[in-house]
Amino acid sequence: MAFTLTSPAFGDRQAIPIRYTCDGENISPALHWIEPPAGTAMFALVMDDPDAPSGTFTHWLLSDIPVSRTTMQEGIRTGIGTAGTNDFGRSGYGGPCPPKGHGPHHYGFHLHALGRALTLAAGFTREEMDAALRGHVLATARLTATYERGSKHRK
């Protein structure tokens, strides 16, 4: 079996329910993963939107998630890893919030299995995380959600 990331809230390439977006409760969805590669010491998570008008928009950064974890509960705020600063200028999760009328956007959840801890300071940036990840990613599990503001994907 391969390193896999899933959510009980939506399937890969399906619409993310509104509760996880800026039009809803804006809380993080639950995530589950299985089969990280041998030698995994930590995990790091990136959620981004490559369809944003100004280029890839980062919604969530978490580093140094303990290797003992295989899940994240819905709405998690603290107690798992170190949170970075998203492109909303806040620490933690910022849900999908594409411009109205811009069409569907794709939201990638990328869980990296790492050979060592990144040891980034709280509030780190995407650029700092990307630099720290170089050469330390053993495998990446991906899950993609879609969302369109004003769409009928209301759950």
N, C-alpha and C. Protein backbone atom coordinates (compact mmCIF):
# COMPACT_ATOMS: atom_id res chain seq x y z
N MET A 1 0.84 -1.18 0.00
CA MET A 1 0.00 0.00 0.00
C MET A 1 0.89 1.25 0.00
N ALA A 2 0.40 2.34 -0.55
CA ALA A 2 1.17 3.57 -0.68
C ALA A 2 0.80 4.57 0.41
N PHE A 3 1.69 5.52 0.63
CA PHE A 3 1.45 6.63 1.54
C PHE A 3 0.25 7.40 1.01
N THR A 4 -0.84 7.46 1.80
CA THR A 4 -2.11 7.99 1.33
C THR A 4 -2.71 8.94 2.35
N LEU A 5 -3.29 10.04 1.86
CA LEU A 5 -3.97 11.04 2.68
C LEU A 5 -5.43 11.08 2.28
N THR A 6 -6.34 11.00 3.27
CA THR A 6 -7.78 11.04 3.01
C THR A 6 -8.46 11.93 4.04
N SER A 7 -9.73 12.23 3.76
CA SER A 7 -10.57 12.97 4.70
C SER A 7 -11.94 12.33 4.71
N PRO A 8 -12.55 12.17 5.90
CA PRO A 8 -13.93 11.66 5.94
C PRO A 8 -14.94 12.70 5.44
N ALA A 9 -14.50 13.95 5.26
CA ALA A 9 -15.40 15.03 4.86
C ALA A 9 -15.60 15.13 3.34
N PHE A 10 -14.65 14.62 2.56
CA PHE A 10 -14.72 14.71 1.10
C PHE A 10 -13.72 13.74 0.49
N GLY A 11 -13.99 13.33 -0.72
CA GLY A 11 -13.07 12.46 -1.45
C GLY A 11 -12.13 13.27 -2.31
N ASP A 12 -11.11 12.62 -2.81
CA ASP A 12 -10.14 13.29 -3.68
C ASP A 12 -10.85 13.84 -4.93
N ARG A 13 -10.59 15.09 -5.22
CA ARG A 13 -11.15 15.81 -6.38
C ARG A 13 -12.64 16.11 -6.23
N GLN A 14 -13.15 16.02 -4.99
CA GLN A 14 -14.55 16.37 -4.73
C GLN A 14 -14.62 17.74 -4.07
N ALA A 15 -15.82 18.31 -4.07
CA ALA A 15 -16.04 19.61 -3.44
C ALA A 15 -15.87 19.51 -1.93
N ILE A 16 -15.19 20.48 -1.37
CA ILE A 16 -15.04 20.54 0.09
C ILE A 16 -16.33 21.13 0.66
N PRO A 17 -16.89 20.53 1.69
CA PRO A 17 -18.12 21.08 2.26
C PRO A 17 -17.93 22.52 2.76
N ILE A 18 -18.97 23.30 2.66
CA ILE A 18 -18.92 24.73 2.98
C ILE A 18 -18.44 25.01 4.40
N ARG A 19 -18.69 24.10 5.34
CA ARG A 19 -18.28 24.36 6.74
C ARG A 19 -16.77 24.59 6.87
N TYR A 20 -15.98 24.08 5.92
CA TYR A 20 -14.52 24.22 5.98
C TYR A 20 -14.01 25.43 5.22
N THR A 21 -14.91 26.29 4.75
CA THR A 21 -14.55 27.44 3.94
C THR A 21 -14.87 28.75 4.65
N CYS A 22 -14.47 29.86 4.03
CA CYS A 22 -14.76 31.18 4.60
C CYS A 22 -16.25 31.50 4.56
N ASP A 23 -17.02 30.75 3.79
CA ASP A 23 -18.46 30.94 3.73
C ASP A 23 -19.18 30.12 4.80
N GLY A 24 -18.44 29.31 5.52
CA GLY A 24 -19.00 28.46 6.57
C GLY A 24 -18.31 28.74 7.89
N GLU A 25 -17.94 27.68 8.59
CA GLU A 25 -17.29 27.81 9.90
C GLU A 25 -15.79 28.06 9.81
N ASN A 26 -15.22 27.87 8.63
CA ASN A 26 -13.79 28.10 8.38
C ASN A 26 -12.92 27.29 9.35
N ILE A 27 -13.30 26.02 9.53
CA ILE A 27 -12.51 25.11 10.37
C ILE A 27 -11.83 24.07 9.48
N SER A 28 -10.73 23.54 9.96
CA SER A 28 -10.00 22.55 9.18
C SER A 28 -10.74 21.22 9.15
N PRO A 29 -10.68 20.52 8.02
CA PRO A 29 -11.30 19.20 7.95
C PRO A 29 -10.44 18.16 8.66
N ALA A 30 -11.06 17.08 9.08
CA ALA A 30 -10.31 15.96 9.62
C ALA A 30 -9.48 15.33 8.49
N LEU A 31 -8.30 14.88 8.82
CA LEU A 31 -7.42 14.22 7.85
C LEU A 31 -6.89 12.92 8.46
N HIS A 32 -6.69 11.93 7.61
CA HIS A 32 -6.14 10.63 8.04
C HIS A 32 -5.08 10.22 7.03
N TRP A 33 -4.04 9.55 7.51
CA TRP A 33 -3.02 9.05 6.59
C TRP A 33 -2.54 7.68 7.02
N ILE A 34 -2.08 6.95 6.00
CA ILE A 34 -1.57 5.60 6.23
C ILE A 34 -0.29 5.37 5.43
N GLU A 35 0.46 4.39 5.87
CA GLU A 35 1.62 3.87 5.16
C GLU A 35 2.73 4.88 4.84
N PRO A 36 3.18 5.68 5.83
CA PRO A 36 4.34 6.52 5.54
C PRO A 36 5.55 5.63 5.30
N PRO A 37 6.51 6.11 4.55
CA PRO A 37 7.67 5.27 4.24
C PRO A 37 8.55 5.00 5.48
N ALA A 38 9.30 3.92 5.41
CA ALA A 38 10.26 3.61 6.47
C ALA A 38 11.22 4.78 6.61
N GLY A 39 11.60 5.08 7.82
CA GLY A 39 12.53 6.17 8.08
C GLY A 39 11.86 7.51 8.34
N THR A 40 10.52 7.54 8.29
CA THR A 40 9.82 8.80 8.55
C THR A 40 10.00 9.19 10.01
N ALA A 41 10.45 10.44 10.22
CA ALA A 41 10.68 10.96 11.57
C ALA A 41 9.63 11.99 11.97
N MET A 42 9.08 12.70 11.01
CA MET A 42 8.10 13.77 11.23
C MET A 42 7.28 13.93 9.97
N PHE A 43 6.20 14.71 10.09
CA PHE A 43 5.39 15.09 8.93
C PHE A 43 5.30 16.60 8.86
N ALA A 44 5.04 17.11 7.66
CA ALA A 44 4.75 18.53 7.45
C ALA A 44 3.57 18.62 6.48
N LEU A 45 2.69 19.58 6.70
CA LEU A 45 1.48 19.73 5.90
C LEU A 45 1.44 21.11 5.25
N VAL A 46 1.09 21.12 3.98
CA VAL A 46 0.86 22.36 3.24
C VAL A 46 -0.50 22.23 2.56
N MET A 47 -1.33 23.27 2.68
CA MET A 47 -2.58 23.35 1.92
C MET A 47 -2.49 24.62 1.09
N ASP A 48 -2.69 24.48 -0.22
CA ASP A 48 -2.60 25.66 -1.07
C ASP A 48 -3.59 25.61 -2.23
N ASP A 49 -3.73 26.77 -2.87
CA ASP A 49 -4.64 26.96 -4.00
C ASP A 49 -3.83 27.48 -5.18
N PRO A 50 -3.52 26.61 -6.15
CA PRO A 50 -2.75 27.06 -7.31
C PRO A 50 -3.57 27.89 -8.30
N ASP A 51 -4.90 27.97 -8.10
CA ASP A 51 -5.78 28.69 -9.02
C ASP A 51 -6.02 30.14 -8.62
N ALA A 52 -5.39 30.59 -7.54
CA ALA A 52 -5.60 31.97 -7.07
C ALA A 52 -5.15 32.96 -8.14
N PRO A 53 -5.86 34.08 -8.28
CA PRO A 53 -5.53 35.07 -9.32
C PRO A 53 -4.10 35.61 -9.23
N SER A 54 -3.56 35.71 -8.03
CA SER A 54 -2.21 36.28 -7.88
C SER A 54 -1.12 35.21 -7.83
N GLY A 55 -1.46 33.95 -8.10
CA GLY A 55 -0.51 32.85 -8.01
C GLY A 55 -0.89 31.96 -6.84
N THR A 56 -0.11 30.93 -6.60
CA THR A 56 -0.43 29.96 -5.55
C THR A 56 -0.61 30.66 -4.20
N PHE A 57 -1.73 30.38 -3.55
CA PHE A 57 -2.09 30.98 -2.28
C PHE A 57 -2.02 29.89 -1.22
N THR A 58 -1.26 30.15 -0.15
CA THR A 58 -1.08 29.18 0.92
C THR A 58 -2.15 29.37 1.99
N HIS A 59 -2.87 28.29 2.30
CA HIS A 59 -3.97 28.33 3.27
C HIS A 59 -3.59 27.76 4.64
N TRP A 60 -2.57 26.86 4.68
CA TRP A 60 -2.26 26.19 5.95
C TRP A 60 -0.86 25.63 5.88
N LEU A 61 -0.10 25.86 6.93
CA LEU A 61 1.25 25.31 7.07
C LEU A 61 1.41 24.72 8.46
N LEU A 62 1.83 23.47 8.53
CA LEU A 62 2.15 22.83 9.80
C LEU A 62 3.45 22.05 9.62
N SER A 63 4.39 22.26 10.51
CA SER A 63 5.63 21.49 10.47
C SER A 63 5.76 20.67 11.74
N ASP A 64 6.66 19.72 11.71
CA ASP A 64 7.01 18.89 12.87
C ASP A 64 5.80 18.22 13.52
N ILE A 65 4.94 17.66 12.68
CA ILE A 65 3.83 16.83 13.16
C ILE A 65 4.46 15.50 13.58
N PRO A 66 4.22 15.06 14.80
CA PRO A 66 4.87 13.83 15.29
C PRO A 66 4.57 12.60 14.43
N VAL A 67 5.56 11.77 14.26
CA VAL A 67 5.41 10.55 13.46
C VAL A 67 4.39 9.60 14.06
N SER A 68 4.10 9.74 15.33
CA SER A 68 3.10 8.89 15.98
C SER A 68 1.67 9.23 15.56
N ARG A 69 1.48 10.39 14.94
CA ARG A 69 0.14 10.81 14.50
C ARG A 69 -0.23 10.14 13.18
N THR A 70 -1.49 9.77 13.06
CA THR A 70 -2.02 9.28 11.79
C THR A 70 -3.32 9.99 11.44
N THR A 71 -3.72 10.94 12.31
CA THR A 71 -4.96 11.69 12.07
C THR A 71 -4.81 13.11 12.61
N MET A 72 -5.65 13.97 12.08
CA MET A 72 -5.88 15.30 12.64
C MET A 72 -7.39 15.45 12.74
N GLN A 73 -7.86 15.85 13.90
CA GLN A 73 -9.29 16.02 14.08
C GLN A 73 -9.77 17.28 13.35
N GLU A 74 -11.06 17.30 13.06
CA GLU A 74 -11.69 18.48 12.49
C GLU A 74 -11.51 19.66 13.44
N GLY A 75 -11.22 20.82 12.88
CA GLY A 75 -11.12 22.05 13.66
C GLY A 75 -9.90 22.14 14.56
N ILE A 76 -8.88 21.35 14.30
CA ILE A 76 -7.69 21.37 15.15
C ILE A 76 -7.03 22.75 15.12
N ARG A 77 -6.66 23.24 16.27
CA ARG A 77 -6.03 24.57 16.39
C ARG A 77 -4.62 24.48 16.96
N THR A 78 -4.45 23.66 17.98
CA THR A 78 -3.15 23.55 18.64
C THR A 78 -2.88 22.09 19.01
N GLY A 79 -1.68 21.86 19.47
CA GLY A 79 -1.34 20.54 19.98
C GLY A 79 -0.80 19.57 18.95
N ILE A 80 -0.59 20.04 17.73
CA ILE A 80 -0.02 19.17 16.71
C ILE A 80 0.94 19.98 15.86
N GLY A 81 2.21 19.75 16.04
CA GLY A 81 3.22 20.43 15.23
C GLY A 81 3.33 21.91 15.51
N THR A 82 3.99 22.59 14.58
CA THR A 82 4.23 24.02 14.66
C THR A 82 3.52 24.70 13.49
N ALA A 83 2.71 25.70 13.77
CA ALA A 83 1.94 26.39 12.72
C ALA A 83 2.74 27.51 12.10
N GLY A 84 2.64 27.60 10.78
CA GLY A 84 3.23 28.71 10.05
C GLY A 84 2.18 29.75 9.73
N THR A 85 2.60 30.83 9.07
CA THR A 85 1.72 31.92 8.70
C THR A 85 1.19 31.68 7.29
N ASN A 86 -0.13 31.67 7.14
CA ASN A 86 -0.73 31.48 5.82
C ASN A 86 -0.77 32.81 5.07
N ASP A 87 -1.26 32.78 3.85
CA ASP A 87 -1.30 34.00 3.04
C ASP A 87 -2.43 34.95 3.41
N PHE A 88 -3.24 34.57 4.40
CA PHE A 88 -4.19 35.51 5.00
C PHE A 88 -3.48 36.34 6.06
N GLY A 89 -2.21 35.99 6.37
CA GLY A 89 -1.44 36.70 7.39
C GLY A 89 -1.69 36.18 8.79
N ARG A 90 -2.30 34.99 8.88
CA ARG A 90 -2.62 34.40 10.19
C ARG A 90 -1.93 33.05 10.36
N SER A 91 -1.81 32.66 11.59
CA SER A 91 -1.27 31.34 11.91
C SER A 91 -2.41 30.33 11.85
N GLY A 92 -2.12 29.13 11.36
CA GLY A 92 -3.12 28.08 11.33
C GLY A 92 -3.88 28.01 10.02
N TYR A 93 -5.03 27.37 10.08
CA TYR A 93 -5.85 27.09 8.91
C TYR A 93 -6.65 28.30 8.46
N GLY A 94 -6.70 28.51 7.17
CA GLY A 94 -7.57 29.50 6.54
C GLY A 94 -8.26 28.79 5.39
N GLY A 95 -9.56 28.61 5.47
CA GLY A 95 -10.27 27.81 4.50
C GLY A 95 -10.38 28.43 3.12
N PRO A 96 -10.83 27.63 2.15
CA PRO A 96 -11.03 28.12 0.80
C PRO A 96 -11.92 29.36 0.79
N CYS A 97 -11.50 30.34 -0.02
CA CYS A 97 -12.22 31.61 -0.10
C CYS A 97 -11.91 32.29 -1.44
N PRO A 98 -12.16 31.58 -2.54
CA PRO A 98 -11.81 32.18 -3.85
C PRO A 98 -12.71 33.36 -4.17
N PRO A 99 -12.26 34.24 -5.06
CA PRO A 99 -13.12 35.36 -5.45
C PRO A 99 -14.43 34.85 -6.07
N LYS A 100 -15.52 35.50 -5.74
CA LYS A 100 -16.81 35.13 -6.31
C LYS A 100 -16.75 35.31 -7.82
N GLY A 101 -17.32 34.34 -8.54
CA GLY A 101 -17.35 34.41 -9.98
C GLY A 101 -16.06 33.99 -10.65
N HIS A 102 -15.07 33.53 -9.89
CA HIS A 102 -13.77 33.14 -10.45
C HIS A 102 -13.75 31.69 -10.89
N GLY A 103 -14.83 30.97 -10.67
CA GLY A 103 -14.87 29.57 -11.06
C GLY A 103 -14.31 28.68 -9.96
N PRO A 104 -14.32 27.37 -10.21
CA PRO A 104 -13.84 26.44 -9.19
C PRO A 104 -12.33 26.53 -9.00
N HIS A 105 -11.91 26.44 -7.75
CA HIS A 105 -10.49 26.40 -7.41
C HIS A 105 -10.18 25.02 -6.86
N HIS A 106 -8.93 24.62 -6.97
CA HIS A 106 -8.45 23.34 -6.46
C HIS A 106 -7.57 23.59 -5.24
N TYR A 107 -7.83 22.84 -4.19
CA TYR A 107 -7.11 23.01 -2.93
C TYR A 107 -6.33 21.75 -2.65
N GLY A 108 -5.01 21.87 -2.70
CA GLY A 108 -4.15 20.72 -2.48
C GLY A 108 -3.73 20.62 -1.03
N PHE A 109 -3.96 19.46 -0.43
CA PHE A 109 -3.43 19.13 0.88
C PHE A 109 -2.23 18.22 0.61
N HIS A 110 -1.04 18.64 0.99
CA HIS A 110 0.19 17.91 0.72
C HIS A 110 0.82 17.54 2.06
N LEU A 111 0.82 16.26 2.38
CA LEU A 111 1.42 15.78 3.62
C LEU A 111 2.76 15.16 3.27
N HIS A 112 3.84 15.78 3.77
CA HIS A 112 5.19 15.31 3.49
C HIS A 112 5.69 14.44 4.64
N ALA A 113 6.20 13.26 4.30
CA ALA A 113 6.88 12.41 5.27
C ALA A 113 8.35 12.84 5.24
N LEU A 114 8.89 13.17 6.40
CA LEU A 114 10.24 13.74 6.49
C LEU A 114 11.19 12.81 7.22
N GLY A 115 12.45 12.85 6.82
CA GLY A 115 13.48 12.07 7.47
C GLY A 115 14.00 12.69 8.75
N ARG A 116 13.60 13.94 9.00
CA ARG A 116 14.01 14.64 10.23
C ARG A 116 13.05 15.78 10.52
N ALA A 117 13.12 16.31 11.73
CA ALA A 117 12.31 17.48 12.10
C ALA A 117 12.81 18.71 11.35
N LEU A 118 11.92 19.64 11.08
CA LEU A 118 12.30 20.90 10.42
C LEU A 118 12.74 21.96 11.42
N THR A 119 12.23 21.89 12.62
CA THR A 119 12.53 22.82 13.72
C THR A 119 12.38 24.30 13.31
N LEU A 120 11.29 24.60 12.64
CA LEU A 120 10.99 25.99 12.28
C LEU A 120 10.31 26.68 13.46
N ALA A 121 10.54 27.97 13.61
CA ALA A 121 9.90 28.74 14.67
C ALA A 121 8.43 29.00 14.30
N ALA A 122 7.57 29.04 15.29
CA ALA A 122 6.15 29.33 15.06
C ALA A 122 6.00 30.60 14.24
N GLY A 123 5.07 30.57 13.29
CA GLY A 123 4.84 31.72 12.42
C GLY A 123 5.70 31.72 11.18
N PHE A 124 6.44 30.66 10.92
CA PHE A 124 7.32 30.58 9.74
C PHE A 124 6.51 30.83 8.46
N THR A 125 7.21 31.19 7.41
CA THR A 125 6.58 31.49 6.11
C THR A 125 6.65 30.28 5.19
N ARG A 126 5.92 30.33 4.10
CA ARG A 126 5.96 29.27 3.09
C ARG A 126 7.36 29.14 2.52
N GLU A 127 8.01 30.26 2.28
CA GLU A 127 9.37 30.23 1.73
C GLU A 127 10.33 29.53 2.69
N GLU A 128 10.18 29.81 3.99
CA GLU A 128 11.03 29.15 4.99
C GLU A 128 10.76 27.65 5.03
N MET A 129 9.50 27.28 4.93
CA MET A 129 9.17 25.85 4.93
C MET A 129 9.71 25.18 3.69
N ASP A 130 9.50 25.78 2.53
CA ASP A 130 10.00 25.18 1.29
C ASP A 130 11.50 24.96 1.35
N ALA A 131 12.23 25.93 1.88
CA ALA A 131 13.68 25.80 2.00
C ALA A 131 14.05 24.67 2.97
N ALA A 132 13.34 24.57 4.09
CA ALA A 132 13.63 23.54 5.09
C ALA A 132 13.29 22.14 4.57
N LEU A 133 12.30 22.03 3.69
CA LEU A 133 11.90 20.73 3.15
C LEU A 133 12.92 20.15 2.16
N ARG A 134 13.67 21.00 1.49
CA ARG A 134 14.60 20.53 0.45
C ARG A 134 15.54 19.46 0.98
N GLY A 135 15.49 18.32 0.31
CA GLY A 135 16.38 17.22 0.64
C GLY A 135 15.92 16.35 1.80
N HIS A 136 14.76 16.64 2.38
CA HIS A 136 14.31 15.88 3.56
C HIS A 136 12.96 15.20 3.38
N VAL A 137 12.35 15.33 2.20
CA VAL A 137 11.05 14.72 1.95
C VAL A 137 11.25 13.30 1.43
N LEU A 138 10.74 12.33 2.17
CA LEU A 138 10.83 10.93 1.78
C LEU A 138 9.71 10.55 0.82
N ALA A 139 8.52 11.13 1.04
CA ALA A 139 7.35 10.88 0.19
C ALA A 139 6.31 11.95 0.50
N THR A 140 5.39 12.15 -0.44
CA THR A 140 4.30 13.11 -0.25
C THR A 140 2.98 12.44 -0.60
N ALA A 141 2.02 12.54 0.32
CA ALA A 141 0.65 12.07 0.09
C ALA A 141 -0.19 13.31 -0.23
N ARG A 142 -1.05 13.21 -1.24
CA ARG A 142 -1.82 14.36 -1.67
C ARG A 142 -3.32 14.06 -1.68
N LEU A 143 -4.08 15.10 -1.36
CA LEU A 143 -5.53 15.06 -1.41
C LEU A 143 -5.96 16.40 -1.98
N THR A 144 -6.85 16.39 -2.97
CA THR A 144 -7.29 17.64 -3.59
C THR A 144 -8.80 17.81 -3.40
N ALA A 145 -9.19 19.02 -3.02
CA ALA A 145 -10.60 19.38 -2.90
C ALA A 145 -10.87 20.53 -3.86
N THR A 146 -12.13 20.72 -4.21
CA THR A 146 -12.50 21.86 -5.04
C THR A 146 -13.51 22.72 -4.28
N TYR A 147 -13.56 24.00 -4.66
CA TYR A 147 -14.56 24.89 -4.08
C TYR A 147 -14.75 26.08 -5.01
N GLU A 148 -16.01 26.48 -5.15
CA GLU A 148 -16.37 27.65 -5.94
C GLU A 148 -17.34 28.48 -5.11
N ARG A 149 -17.01 29.74 -4.87
CA ARG A 149 -17.90 30.59 -4.07
C ARG A 149 -19.18 30.85 -4.84
N GLY A 150 -20.26 30.74 -4.11
CA GLY A 150 -21.57 30.93 -4.72
C GLY A 150 -22.06 29.67 -5.42
N SER A 151 -21.27 28.57 -5.28
CA SER A 151 -21.66 27.33 -5.94
C SER A 151 -22.75 26.63 -5.14
N LYS A 152 -23.23 25.56 -5.68
CA LYS A 152 -24.30 24.79 -5.04
C LYS A 152 -23.75 23.70 -4.13
N HIS A 153 -22.46 23.73 -3.84
CA HIS A 153 -21.83 22.70 -3.00
C HIS A 153 -22.05 23.01 -1.52
N ARG A 154 -23.25 23.19 -1.12
CA ARG A 154 -23.56 23.55 0.25
C ARG A 154 -23.94 22.29 1.02
N LYS A 155 -23.11 21.93 1.98
CA LYS A 155 -23.37 20.74 2.78
C LYS A 155 -23.27 21.04 4.24
